[in-house]
Amino acid sequence: MSHPGPEQQPAARARPAGRPRRSQEDLLQAAAAVFVTSGVDAPVREIAAKAGVGVGTLYRHFPTRAELVVAVYRHQVEACAEAGPRLLAESPTPEVALRAWVALFVDFLVTKHGLAGALHADDAGPDALHRYFVDRLVPVCGSLLDAARAELGASASPADAYTVLKGVGNLCIGAAADPRYDADELVQLLISGVLAPVGDRNA
């Protein structure tokens, strides 16, 4: 009987190594989807079924609901942050990239309603997560704004990236509870104003 050579053994051992990360990714995506449709108090069984795993697997990764909610929040922030450079590289113009990214940001803000209330039971509370949110997303927004303004030759706007994101957030308040309110439409108008030449804004 032949035995595998040393060069074959690492590959055999490494095969299952990525599965825990894959399971966690599946759980986070499933939980995010369930939170949107059923709220953060949705039954754990529903989340596990959506991910195609057992309830025990979910609890091994996230022993408490608060830990799951925090992980979903961070996962969505990371996805939004990583989308910025990708959109800038793939879009025909920086303005198109900025508008597409802001639309993703609006979707994130509108669909994460209800998460905040579930965070108070966790050590990583709302204040820490807000700092994480700002630290990750403001630089991404700033890069997209700078690229769009440079392309358009627009004069520097007094609105920096933090102010723009804050304004977008304010426009999204209540959007999840009112199907007639189109937050994305108003946010795109805001971006048009931010990118408009100073003379046009003062006219």
Protein backbone atom coordinates (compact mmCIF):
# COMPACT_ATOMS: atom_id res chain seq x y z
CA MET A 1 0.00 0.00 0.00
CA SER A 2 1.41 3.35 -0.95
CA HIS A 3 1.47 6.19 1.55
CA PRO A 4 1.04 9.86 0.70
CA GLY A 5 4.24 11.78 0.50
CA PRO A 6 5.01 14.65 2.89
CA GLU A 7 4.09 17.18 0.24
CA GLN A 8 0.53 15.73 0.08
CA GLN A 9 -0.16 15.66 3.80
CA PRO A 10 -0.45 19.43 4.48
CA ALA A 11 -3.10 19.77 1.78
CA ALA A 12 -5.12 16.93 3.28
CA ARG A 13 -4.94 18.43 6.76
CA ALA A 14 -5.69 21.94 5.53
CA ARG A 15 -8.87 21.00 3.67
CA PRO A 16 -11.31 21.55 6.58
CA ALA A 17 -9.51 24.62 7.96
CA GLY A 18 -11.64 27.13 6.07
CA ARG A 19 -14.97 25.62 7.04
CA PRO A 20 -15.40 27.39 10.43
CA ARG A 21 -14.86 30.74 8.74
CA ARG A 22 -17.25 29.74 5.98
CA SER A 23 -19.88 28.69 8.53
CA GLN A 24 -19.53 31.97 10.38
CA GLU A 25 -19.86 33.94 7.14
CA ASP A 26 -23.01 31.98 6.27
CA LEU A 27 -24.44 32.65 9.72
CA LEU A 28 -23.75 36.39 9.54
CA GLN A 29 -25.35 36.71 6.11
CA ALA A 30 -28.34 34.64 7.22
CA ALA A 31 -28.77 36.62 10.43
CA ALA A 32 -28.61 39.93 8.58
CA ALA A 33 -31.32 38.77 6.17
CA VAL A 34 -33.54 37.47 8.99
CA PHE A 35 -33.09 40.64 11.04
CA VAL A 36 -34.40 42.67 8.11
CA THR A 37 -37.53 40.56 7.68
CA SER A 38 -38.23 39.43 11.26
CA GLY A 39 -36.30 41.83 13.50
CA VAL A 40 -33.42 41.19 15.89
CA ASP A 41 -35.67 39.13 18.17
CA ALA A 42 -36.26 36.53 15.45
CA PRO A 43 -36.05 32.91 16.67
CA VAL A 44 -32.59 31.43 16.59
CA ARG A 45 -34.04 28.44 14.73
CA GLU A 46 -35.01 30.76 11.86
CA ILE A 47 -31.48 32.10 11.53
CA ALA A 48 -29.92 28.64 11.70
CA ALA A 49 -32.35 27.31 9.09
CA LYS A 50 -31.59 30.25 6.80
CA ALA A 51 -27.87 29.46 7.08
CA GLY A 52 -28.44 25.73 6.59
CA VAL A 53 -26.86 24.76 9.93
CA GLY A 54 -28.04 23.44 13.27
CA VAL A 55 -28.87 25.67 16.23
CA GLY A 56 -25.88 24.26 18.07
CA THR A 57 -23.55 25.54 15.37
CA LEU A 58 -24.98 29.02 15.74
CA TYR A 59 -24.47 28.97 19.51
CA ARG A 60 -20.90 27.72 19.15
CA HIS A 61 -20.07 30.78 17.08
CA PHE A 62 -22.27 33.28 18.95
CA PRO A 63 -23.22 32.19 22.50
CA THR A 64 -25.54 35.18 23.02
CA ARG A 65 -27.90 37.16 20.81
CA ALA A 66 -26.02 40.36 21.62
CA GLU A 67 -22.78 38.83 20.31
CA LEU A 68 -24.55 37.84 17.11
CA VAL A 69 -26.02 41.32 16.65
CA VAL A 70 -22.63 42.97 17.18
CA ALA A 71 -21.01 40.57 14.72
CA VAL A 72 -23.70 41.27 12.10
CA TYR A 73 -23.26 45.03 12.58
CA ARG A 74 -19.47 44.79 12.17
CA HIS A 75 -19.81 42.46 9.20
CA GLN A 76 -22.12 44.92 7.41
CA VAL A 77 -19.84 47.86 8.18
CA GLU A 78 -16.88 45.93 6.75
CA ALA A 79 -18.82 45.02 3.62
CA CYS A 80 -19.73 48.67 3.12
CA ALA A 81 -16.14 49.81 3.70
CA GLU A 82 -14.69 47.23 1.30
CA ALA A 83 -17.19 48.19 -1.40
CA GLY A 84 -15.77 51.72 -1.70
CA PRO A 85 -12.41 50.93 -3.32
CA ARG A 86 -13.98 48.20 -5.45
CA LEU A 87 -16.64 50.55 -6.83
CA LEU A 88 -14.03 53.22 -7.51
CA ALA A 89 -11.98 50.72 -9.51
CA GLU A 90 -14.91 49.21 -11.41
CA SER A 91 -17.20 52.20 -12.09
CA PRO A 92 -16.94 54.30 -15.25
CA THR A 93 -16.46 57.52 -13.24
CA PRO A 94 -15.73 58.41 -9.61
CA GLU A 95 -19.12 60.15 -9.34
CA VAL A 96 -20.88 56.94 -10.36
CA ALA A 97 -18.82 55.09 -7.75
CA LEU A 98 -19.71 57.62 -5.07
CA ARG A 99 -23.42 57.47 -5.83
CA ALA A 100 -23.41 53.66 -5.90
CA TRP A 101 -21.56 53.52 -2.59
CA VAL A 102 -23.92 56.02 -0.96
CA ALA A 103 -26.85 53.88 -2.13
CA LEU A 104 -25.25 50.89 -0.39
CA PHE A 105 -24.76 53.00 2.72
CA VAL A 106 -28.42 54.03 2.69
CA ASP A 107 -29.46 50.39 2.39
CA PHE A 108 -27.22 49.54 5.35
CA LEU A 109 -28.70 52.34 7.48
CA VAL A 110 -32.32 51.54 6.62
CA THR A 111 -32.06 47.78 7.07
CA LYS A 112 -30.09 47.81 10.33
CA HIS A 113 -32.98 49.37 12.28
CA GLY A 114 -33.56 47.55 15.55
CA LEU A 115 -29.93 46.55 16.03
CA ALA A 116 -29.12 49.33 18.50
CA GLY A 117 -31.59 48.17 21.12
CA ALA A 118 -30.03 44.72 21.19
CA LEU A 119 -26.51 46.05 21.77
CA HIS A 120 -26.94 47.36 25.30
CA ALA A 121 -26.46 43.91 26.85
CA ASP A 122 -23.00 43.54 25.29
CA ASP A 123 -19.68 44.98 26.45
CA ALA A 124 -19.12 46.39 22.96
CA GLY A 125 -21.94 48.89 23.39
CA PRO A 126 -23.38 51.45 21.02
CA ASP A 127 -20.68 54.08 21.68
CA ALA A 128 -17.82 51.73 20.82
CA LEU A 129 -19.62 50.49 17.72
CA HIS A 130 -20.37 54.05 16.62
CA ARG A 131 -16.65 54.88 16.84
CA TYR A 132 -15.88 51.77 14.82
CA PHE A 133 -18.53 52.78 12.27
CA VAL A 134 -17.06 56.29 11.92
CA ASP A 135 -13.45 55.12 11.81
CA ARG A 136 -14.16 52.62 9.03
CA LEU A 137 -16.62 54.49 6.82
CA VAL A 138 -15.64 58.17 6.98
CA PRO A 139 -12.26 57.58 5.24
CA VAL A 140 -13.97 55.52 2.52
CA CYS A 141 -16.53 58.26 1.91
CA GLY A 142 -13.74 60.85 1.93
CA SER A 143 -11.77 59.01 -0.76
CA LEU A 144 -14.83 58.75 -2.99
CA LEU A 145 -15.74 62.41 -2.46
CA ASP A 146 -12.20 63.54 -3.27
CA ALA A 147 -12.10 61.44 -6.43
CA ALA A 148 -15.50 62.69 -7.64
CA ARG A 149 -14.63 66.32 -6.96
CA ALA A 150 -11.27 65.98 -8.70
CA GLU A 151 -12.92 64.49 -11.77
CA LEU A 152 -15.57 67.22 -11.93
CA GLY A 153 -13.14 70.01 -11.13
CA ALA A 154 -15.59 71.14 -8.46
CA SER A 155 -14.56 73.76 -5.92
CA ALA A 156 -13.97 72.45 -2.43
CA SER A 157 -17.25 71.99 -0.59
CA PRO A 158 -17.53 72.90 3.09
CA ALA A 159 -19.14 69.50 3.64
CA ASP A 160 -16.52 66.94 4.64
CA ALA A 161 -17.04 63.18 4.63
CA TYR A 162 -18.26 63.05 8.23
CA THR A 163 -20.83 65.78 7.57
CA VAL A 164 -22.03 64.05 4.41
CA LEU A 165 -22.49 60.71 6.21
CA LYS A 166 -24.23 62.46 9.09
CA GLY A 167 -26.58 64.16 6.64
CA VAL A 168 -27.28 60.88 4.89
CA GLY A 169 -28.03 59.28 8.22
CA ASN A 170 -30.49 62.02 9.16
CA LEU A 171 -32.29 61.62 5.84
CA CYS A 172 -32.68 57.90 6.54
CA ILE A 173 -34.40 58.34 9.91
CA GLY A 174 -37.83 56.72 9.80
CA ALA A 175 -37.38 55.36 6.28
CA ALA A 176 -37.78 51.74 7.39
CA ALA A 177 -41.18 52.45 8.93
CA ASP A 178 -42.61 54.46 6.03
CA PRO A 179 -42.74 52.68 2.65
CA ARG A 180 -43.78 55.93 0.92
CA TYR A 181 -40.59 57.70 2.00
CA ASP A 182 -37.76 57.28 -0.51
CA ALA A 183 -34.62 58.09 1.45
CA ASP A 184 -32.35 57.13 -1.43
CA GLU A 185 -33.89 59.76 -3.72
CA LEU A 186 -33.25 62.54 -1.20
CA VAL A 187 -29.75 61.28 -0.48
CA GLN A 188 -28.88 61.39 -4.18
CA LEU A 189 -30.11 64.99 -4.28
CA LEU A 190 -27.84 65.70 -1.31
CA ILE A 191 -24.87 64.27 -3.21
CA SER A 192 -25.74 66.44 -6.22
CA GLY A 193 -25.59 69.48 -3.96
CA VAL A 194 -22.29 68.43 -2.40
CA LEU A 195 -20.73 67.99 -5.85
CA ALA A 196 -22.18 71.16 -7.36
CA PRO A 197 -19.73 74.03 -7.97
CA VAL A 198 -19.79 76.65 -5.27
CA GLY A 199 -21.17 79.26 -7.67
CA ASP A 200 -24.12 77.01 -8.54
CA ARG A 201 -24.95 76.44 -4.89
CA ASN A 202 -24.96 80.17 -4.16
CA ALA A 203 -27.03 81.11 -7.24
